[in-house]
Each structure stands twice: as C-alpha cells, then as structure tokens.
Amino acid sequence: MAGAHILVVDDEELVRWTFDTALKEEGYRVDAAERGEDALEKFGKRKYDLVILDIKLPGIDGVEVLKRIRE
C-alpha cells in the first residue's frame, strides 16, 4: 500500500506527529485532523485509502465520524 493516502484523526498533537512522521518515512501520503469536524471536511474533499481514527475526540466523536464516512 506504499503511496496510499492516509488520514490520521487524533486530538493529541504528539500522536498526529508520530503517525505523520512514521508513515511518511514509509512512503505514504498523510493528512491529519485534530477534530471530527475537520476529518469530515477533509474526507469530503479527498479520497483516502485508510483512516486512523481516535474514538474520543472533541466535538463529533470518532464513532460518529466513522458512521458519516461510511455513508
């Protein structure tokens, strides 16, 4: 899946940075979002091969984000 586009959604900056750094080193394209609303906005503009999603997020939680993405 090298070169795949991945969306990382987590409210902790260090977690987002860690995923971003590690995945980019492996050749993946990575976008990150801090809040569920931001993730949905990004998902509406681009197709992702994988979403790494935290469940506990401020605002819209990860379960709701997943439901909306699947629609």
PDB file of N, CA and C in Angstrom:
ATOM      1  N   MET A   1       0.815  -1.189   0.000  1.00  0.00           N
ATOM      2  CA  MET A   1       0.000   0.000   0.000  1.00  0.00           C
ATOM      3  C   MET A   1       0.861   1.256   0.000  1.00  0.00           C
ATOM      4  N   ALA A   2       2.115   1.119  -0.320  1.00  0.00           N
ATOM      5  CA  ALA A   2       3.004   2.276  -0.355  1.00  0.00           C
ATOM      6  C   ALA A   2       2.437   3.321  -1.300  1.00  0.00           C
ATOM      7  N   GLY A   3       2.516   4.573  -0.890  1.00  0.00           N
ATOM      8  CA  GLY A   3       1.962   5.655  -1.688  1.00  0.00           C
ATOM      9  C   GLY A   3       0.495   5.912  -1.410  1.00  0.00           C
ATOM     10  N   ALA A   4      -0.123   5.054  -0.591  1.00  0.00           N
ATOM     11  CA  ALA A   4      -1.531   5.225  -0.248  1.00  0.00           C
ATOM     12  C   ALA A   4      -1.707   6.537   0.518  1.00  0.00           C
ATOM     13  N   HIS A   5      -2.914   7.058   0.461  1.00  0.00           N
ATOM     14  CA  HIS A   5      -3.228   8.311   1.144  1.00  0.00           C
ATOM     15  C   HIS A   5      -3.951   7.983   2.446  1.00  0.00           C
ATOM     16  N   ILE A   6      -3.407   8.448   3.563  1.00  0.00           N
ATOM     17  CA  ILE A   6      -3.912   8.113   4.895  1.00  0.00           C
ATOM     18  C   ILE A   6      -4.335   9.382   5.630  1.00  0.00           C
ATOM     19  N   LEU A   7      -5.477   9.304   6.314  1.00  0.00           N
ATOM     20  CA  LEU A   7      -5.953  10.393   7.167  1.00  0.00           C
ATOM     21  C   LEU A   7      -5.816   9.950   8.617  1.00  0.00           C
ATOM     22  N   VAL A   8      -5.081  10.725   9.406  1.00  0.00           N
ATOM     23  CA  VAL A   8      -4.899  10.457  10.831  1.00  0.00           C
ATOM     24  C   VAL A   8      -5.734  11.471  11.600  1.00  0.00           C
ATOM     25  N   VAL A   9      -6.642  10.963  12.464  1.00  0.00           N
ATOM     26  CA  VAL A   9      -7.530  11.833  13.227  1.00  0.00           C
ATOM     27  C   VAL A   9      -7.301  11.574  14.712  1.00  0.00           C
ATOM     28  N   ASP A  10      -6.738  12.558  15.384  1.00  0.00           N
ATOM     29  CA  ASP A  10      -6.485  12.442  16.822  1.00  0.00           C
ATOM     30  C   ASP A  10      -6.358  13.843  17.397  1.00  0.00           C
ATOM     31  N   ASP A  11      -6.880  14.043  18.595  1.00  0.00           N
ATOM     32  CA  ASP A  11      -6.826  15.376  19.198  1.00  0.00           C
ATOM     33  C   ASP A  11      -5.490  15.663  19.881  1.00  0.00           C
ATOM     34  N   GLU A  12      -4.630  14.664  20.002  1.00  0.00           N
ATOM     35  CA  GLU A  12      -3.321  14.876  20.617  1.00  0.00           C
ATOM     36  C   GLU A  12      -2.267  15.123  19.533  1.00  0.00           C
ATOM     37  N   GLU A  13      -1.625  16.265  19.616  1.00  0.00           N
ATOM     38  CA  GLU A  13      -0.646  16.668  18.603  1.00  0.00           C
ATOM     39  C   GLU A  13       0.503  15.666  18.480  1.00  0.00           C
ATOM     40  N   LEU A  14       0.987  15.158  19.589  1.00  0.00           N
ATOM     41  CA  LEU A  14       2.098  14.212  19.549  1.00  0.00           C
ATOM     42  C   LEU A  14       1.712  12.920  18.811  1.00  0.00           C
ATOM     43  N   VAL A  15       0.497  12.465  18.993  1.00  0.00           N
ATOM     44  CA  VAL A  15       0.033  11.258  18.289  1.00  0.00           C
ATOM     45  C   VAL A  15      -0.025  11.526  16.792  1.00  0.00           C
ATOM     46  N   ARG A  16      -0.596  12.663  16.403  1.00  0.00           N
ATOM     47  CA  ARG A  16      -0.662  13.010  14.972  1.00  0.00           C
ATOM     48  C   ARG A  16       0.740  13.105  14.380  1.00  0.00           C
ATOM     49  N   TRP A  17       1.647  13.772  15.081  1.00  0.00           N
ATOM     50  CA  TRP A  17       3.021  13.942  14.604  1.00  0.00           C
ATOM     51  C   TRP A  17       3.717  12.585  14.452  1.00  0.00           C
ATOM     52  N   THR A  18       3.536  11.715  15.431  1.00  0.00           N
ATOM     53  CA  THR A  18       4.179  10.399  15.393  1.00  0.00           C
ATOM     54  C   THR A  18       3.718   9.593  14.183  1.00  0.00           C
ATOM     55  N   PHE A  19       2.400   9.521  13.972  1.00  0.00           N
ATOM     56  CA  PHE A  19       1.877   8.812  12.804  1.00  0.00           C
ATOM     57  C   PHE A  19       2.363   9.459  11.513  1.00  0.00           C
ATOM     58  N   ASP A  20       2.288  10.785  11.458  1.00  0.00           N
ATOM     59  CA  ASP A  20       2.700  11.516  10.260  1.00  0.00           C
ATOM     60  C   ASP A  20       4.155  11.207   9.902  1.00  0.00           C
ATOM     61  N   THR A  21       5.025  11.305  10.879  1.00  0.00           N
ATOM     62  CA  THR A  21       6.451  11.077  10.650  1.00  0.00           C
ATOM     63  C   THR A  21       6.728   9.638  10.220  1.00  0.00           C
ATOM     64  N   ALA A  22       6.197   8.683  10.963  1.00  0.00           N
ATOM     65  CA  ALA A  22       6.467   7.271  10.672  1.00  0.00           C
ATOM     66  C   ALA A  22       5.897   6.852   9.315  1.00  0.00           C
ATOM     67  N   LEU A  23       4.686   7.285   9.018  1.00  0.00           N
ATOM     68  CA  LEU A  23       4.051   6.876   7.760  1.00  0.00           C
ATOM     69  C   LEU A  23       4.717   7.529   6.549  1.00  0.00           C
ATOM     70  N   LYS A  24       5.088   8.789   6.670  1.00  0.00           N
ATOM     71  CA  LYS A  24       5.770   9.463   5.559  1.00  0.00           C
ATOM     72  C   LYS A  24       7.125   8.824   5.270  1.00  0.00           C
ATOM     73  N   GLU A  25       7.817   8.380   6.314  1.00  0.00           N
ATOM     74  CA  GLU A  25       9.097   7.695   6.122  1.00  0.00           C
ATOM     75  C   GLU A  25       8.923   6.407   5.316  1.00  0.00           C
ATOM     76  N   GLU A  26       7.739   5.816   5.387  1.00  0.00           N
ATOM     77  CA  GLU A  26       7.448   4.583   4.647  1.00  0.00           C
ATOM     78  C   GLU A  26       6.863   4.860   3.264  1.00  0.00           C
ATOM     79  N   GLY A  27       6.746   6.137   2.916  1.00  0.00           N
ATOM     80  CA  GLY A  27       6.298   6.499   1.580  1.00  0.00           C
ATOM     81  C   GLY A  27       4.813   6.780   1.429  1.00  0.00           C
ATOM     82  N   TYR A  28       4.092   6.861   2.539  1.00  0.00           N
ATOM     83  CA  TYR A  28       2.668   7.157   2.478  1.00  0.00           C
ATOM     84  C   TYR A  28       2.437   8.661   2.418  1.00  0.00           C
ATOM     85  N   ARG A  29       1.320   9.045   1.818  1.00  0.00           N
ATOM     86  CA  ARG A  29       0.879  10.440   1.856  1.00  0.00           C
ATOM     87  C   ARG A  29      -0.055  10.563   3.051  1.00  0.00           C
ATOM     88  N   VAL A  30       0.163  11.559   3.891  1.00  0.00           N
ATOM     89  CA  VAL A  30      -0.561  11.655   5.153  1.00  0.00           C
ATOM     90  C   VAL A  30      -1.182  13.040   5.316  1.00  0.00           C
ATOM     91  N   ASP A  31      -2.454  13.055   5.703  1.00  0.00           N
ATOM     92  CA  ASP A  31      -3.128  14.262   6.159  1.00  0.00           C
ATOM     93  C   ASP A  31      -3.529  14.009   7.606  1.00  0.00           C
ATOM     94  N   ALA A  32      -3.692  15.072   8.373  1.00  0.00           N
ATOM     95  CA  ALA A  32      -4.061  14.916   9.774  1.00  0.00           C
ATOM     96  C   ALA A  32      -5.179  15.883  10.129  1.00  0.00           C
ATOM     97  N   ALA A  33      -5.996  15.459  11.088  1.00  0.00           N
ATOM     98  CA  ALA A  33      -7.078  16.298  11.591  1.00  0.00           C
ATOM     99  C   ALA A  33      -7.129  16.167  13.110  1.00  0.00           C
ATOM    100  N   GLU A  34      -7.433  17.278  13.769  1.00  0.00           N
ATOM    101  CA  GLU A  34      -7.481  17.305  15.226  1.00  0.00           C
ATOM    102  C   GLU A  34      -8.883  17.008  15.760  1.00  0.00           C
ATOM    103  N   ARG A  35      -9.894  17.358  14.996  1.00  0.00           N
ATOM    104  CA  ARG A  35     -11.286  17.217  15.435  1.00  0.00           C
ATOM    105  C   ARG A  35     -12.082  16.422  14.408  1.00  0.00           C
ATOM    106  N   GLY A  36     -13.184  15.854  14.866  1.00  0.00           N
ATOM    107  CA  GLY A  36     -14.044  15.094  13.971  1.00  0.00           C
ATOM    108  C   GLY A  36     -14.565  15.928  12.815  1.00  0.00           C
ATOM    109  N   GLU A  37     -14.924  17.170  13.106  1.00  0.00           N
ATOM    110  CA  GLU A  37     -15.431  18.052  12.057  1.00  0.00           C
ATOM    111  C   GLU A  37     -14.378  18.286  10.975  1.00  0.00           C
ATOM    112  N   ASP A  38     -13.128  18.466  11.400  1.00  0.00           N
ATOM    113  CA  ASP A  38     -12.033  18.660  10.444  1.00  0.00           C
ATOM    114  C   ASP A  38     -11.837  17.418   9.579  1.00  0.00           C
ATOM    115  N   ALA A  39     -11.942  16.256  10.198  1.00  0.00           N
ATOM    116  CA  ALA A  39     -11.786  14.994   9.464  1.00  0.00           C
ATOM    117  C   ALA A  39     -12.865  14.853   8.399  1.00  0.00           C
ATOM    118  N   LEU A  40     -14.101  15.170   8.753  1.00  0.00           N
ATOM    119  CA  LEU A  40     -15.201  15.059   7.792  1.00  0.00           C
ATOM    120  C   LEU A  40     -15.016  16.031   6.635  1.00  0.00           C
ATOM    121  N   GLU A  41     -14.539  17.224   6.930  1.00  0.00           N
ATOM    122  CA  GLU A  41     -14.277  18.201   5.880  1.00  0.00           C
ATOM    123  C   GLU A  41     -13.201  17.683   4.916  1.00  0.00           C
ATOM    124  N   LYS A  42     -12.122  17.161   5.459  1.00  0.00           N
ATOM    125  CA  LYS A  42     -11.047  16.619   4.626  1.00  0.00           C
ATOM    126  C   LYS A  42     -11.542  15.415   3.820  1.00  0.00           C
ATOM    127  N   PHE A  43     -12.320  14.557   4.463  1.00  0.00           N
ATOM    128  CA  PHE A  43     -12.824  13.363   3.783  1.00  0.00           C
ATOM    129  C   PHE A  43     -13.765  13.735   2.643  1.00  0.00           C
ATOM    130  N   GLY A  44     -14.478  14.850   2.798  1.00  0.00           N
ATOM    131  CA  GLY A  44     -15.369  15.301   1.739  1.00  0.00           C
ATOM    132  C   GLY A  44     -14.635  15.837   0.517  1.00  0.00           C
ATOM    133  N   LYS A  45     -13.384  16.233   0.690  1.00  0.00           N
ATOM    134  CA  LYS A  45     -12.607  16.822  -0.405  1.00  0.00           C
ATOM    135  C   LYS A  45     -11.657  15.837  -1.075  1.00  0.00           C
ATOM    136  N   ARG A  46     -11.367  14.717  -0.422  1.00  0.00           N
ATOM    137  CA  ARG A  46     -10.346  13.803  -0.932  1.00  0.00           C
ATOM    138  C   ARG A  46     -10.715  12.371  -0.583  1.00  0.00           C
ATOM    139  N   LYS A  47     -10.250  11.462  -1.392  1.00  0.00           N
ATOM    140  CA  LYS A  47     -10.449  10.027  -1.157  1.00  0.00           C
ATOM    141  C   LYS A  47      -9.241   9.500  -0.380  1.00  0.00           C
ATOM    142  N   TYR A  48      -9.480   8.763   0.689  1.00  0.00           N
ATOM    143  CA  TYR A  48      -8.408   8.177   1.486  1.00  0.00           C
ATOM    144  C   TYR A  48      -8.457   6.658   1.396  1.00  0.00           C
ATOM    145  N   ASP A  49      -7.285   6.053   1.404  1.00  0.00           N
ATOM    146  CA  ASP A  49      -7.182   4.602   1.398  1.00  0.00           C
ATOM    147  C   ASP A  49      -7.336   4.028   2.800  1.00  0.00           C
ATOM    148  N   LEU A  50      -6.986   4.834   3.800  1.00  0.00           N
ATOM    149  CA  LEU A  50      -7.042   4.385   5.188  1.00  0.00           C
ATOM    150  C   LEU A  50      -7.285   5.588   6.086  1.00  0.00           C
ATOM    151  N   VAL A  51      -8.109   5.389   7.126  1.00  0.00           N
ATOM    152  CA  VAL A  51      -8.324   6.423   8.137  1.00  0.00           C
ATOM    153  C   VAL A  51      -7.950   5.821   9.486  1.00  0.00           C
ATOM    154  N   ILE A  52      -7.018   6.461  10.180  1.00  0.00           N
ATOM    155  CA  ILE A  52      -6.661   6.076  11.539  1.00  0.00           C
ATOM    156  C   ILE A  52      -7.399   7.060  12.440  1.00  0.00           C
ATOM    157  N   LEU A  53      -8.344   6.544  13.222  1.00  0.00           N
ATOM    158  CA  LEU A  53      -9.330   7.392  13.879  1.00  0.00           C
ATOM    159  C   LEU A  53      -9.393   7.140  15.378  1.00  0.00           C
ATOM    160  N   ASP A  54      -9.151   8.178  16.165  1.00  0.00           N
ATOM    161  CA  ASP A  54      -9.321   8.117  17.613  1.00  0.00           C
ATOM    162  C   ASP A  54     -10.819   8.131  17.910  1.00  0.00           C
ATOM    163  N   ILE A  55     -11.240   7.410  18.921  1.00  0.00           N
ATOM    164  CA  ILE A  55     -12.660   7.366  19.277  1.00  0.00           C
ATOM    165  C   ILE A  55     -13.066   8.599  20.087  1.00  0.00           C
ATOM    166  N   LYS A  56     -12.231   8.996  21.035  1.00  0.00           N
ATOM    167  CA  LYS A  56     -12.560  10.139  21.894  1.00  0.00           C
ATOM    168  C   LYS A  56     -11.976  11.406  21.294  1.00  0.00           C
ATOM    169  N   LEU A  57     -12.851  12.212  20.715  1.00  0.00           N
ATOM    170  CA  LEU A  57     -12.456  13.474  20.088  1.00  0.00           C
ATOM    171  C   LEU A  57     -13.347  14.586  20.611  1.00  0.00           C
ATOM    172  N   PRO A  58     -12.842  15.813  20.629  1.00  0.00           N
ATOM    173  CA  PRO A  58     -13.721  16.936  20.976  1.00  0.00           C
ATOM    174  C   PRO A  58     -14.736  17.147  19.860  1.00  0.00           C
ATOM    175  N   GLY A  59     -15.923  17.596  20.223  1.00  0.00           N
ATOM    176  CA  GLY A  59     -16.964  17.796  19.201  1.00  0.00           C
ATOM    177  C   GLY A  59     -17.530  16.455  18.779  1.00  0.00           C
ATOM    178  N   ILE A  60     -17.524  16.209  17.495  1.00  0.00           N
ATOM    179  CA  ILE A  60     -18.031  14.942  16.963  1.00  0.00           C
ATOM    180  C   ILE A  60     -17.024  13.846  17.308  1.00  0.00           C
ATOM    181  N   ASP A  61     -17.487  12.780  17.989  1.00  0.00           N
ATOM    182  CA  ASP A  61     -16.556  11.721  18.380  1.00  0.00           C
ATOM    183  C   ASP A  61     -16.244  10.785  17.208  1.00  0.00           C
ATOM    184  N   GLY A  62     -15.260   9.922  17.424  1.00  0.00           N
ATOM    185  CA  GLY A  62     -14.786   9.042  16.369  1.00  0.00           C
ATOM    186  C   GLY A  62     -15.831   8.081  15.847  1.00  0.00           C
ATOM    187  N   VAL A  63     -16.723   7.608  16.712  1.00  0.00           N
ATOM    188  CA  VAL A  63     -17.779   6.687  16.270  1.00  0.00           C
ATOM    189  C   VAL A  63     -18.697   7.396  15.278  1.00  0.00           C
ATOM    190  N   GLU A  64     -19.061   8.630  15.572  1.00  0.00           N
ATOM    191  CA  GLU A  64     -19.923   9.396  14.661  1.00  0.00           C
ATOM    192  C   GLU A  64     -19.196   9.718  13.362  1.00  0.00           C
ATOM    193  N   VAL A  65     -17.922  10.042  13.447  1.00  0.00           N
ATOM    194  CA  VAL A  65     -17.130  10.293  12.239  1.00  0.00           C
ATOM    195  C   VAL A  65     -17.141   9.053  11.359  1.00  0.00           C
ATOM    196  N   LEU A  66     -16.924   7.897  11.945  1.00  0.00           N
ATOM    197  CA  LEU A  66     -16.918   6.640  11.193  1.00  0.00           C
ATOM    198  C   LEU A  66     -18.265   6.395  10.510  1.00  0.00           C
ATOM    199  N   LYS A  67     -19.348   6.622  11.233  1.00  0.00           N
ATOM    200  CA  LYS A  67     -20.693   6.448  10.657  1.00  0.00           C
ATOM    201  C   LYS A  67     -20.863   7.345   9.438  1.00  0.00           C
ATOM    202  N   ARG A  68     -20.462   8.592   9.574  1.00  0.00           N
ATOM    203  CA  ARG A  68     -20.639   9.546   8.467  1.00  0.00           C
ATOM    204  C   ARG A  68     -19.732   9.232   7.281  1.00  0.00           C
ATOM    205  N   ILE A  69     -18.532   8.774   7.550  1.00  0.00           N
ATOM    206  CA  ILE A  69     -17.616   8.400   6.472  1.00  0.00           C
ATOM    207  C   ILE A  69     -18.175   7.216   5.695  1.00  0.00           C
ATOM    208  N   ARG A  70     -18.759   6.270   6.392  1.00  0.00           N
ATOM    209  CA  ARG A  70     -19.288   5.072   5.744  1.00  0.00           C
ATOM    210  C   ARG A  70     -20.497   5.370   4.875  1.00  0.00           C
ATOM    211  N   GLU A  71     -21.200   6.475   5.155  1.00  0.00           N
ATOM    212  CA  GLU A  71     -22.364   6.860   4.342  1.00  0.00           C
ATOM    213  C   GLU A  71     -21.868   7.344   3.045  1.00  0.00           C
TER     214      GLU A  71
END
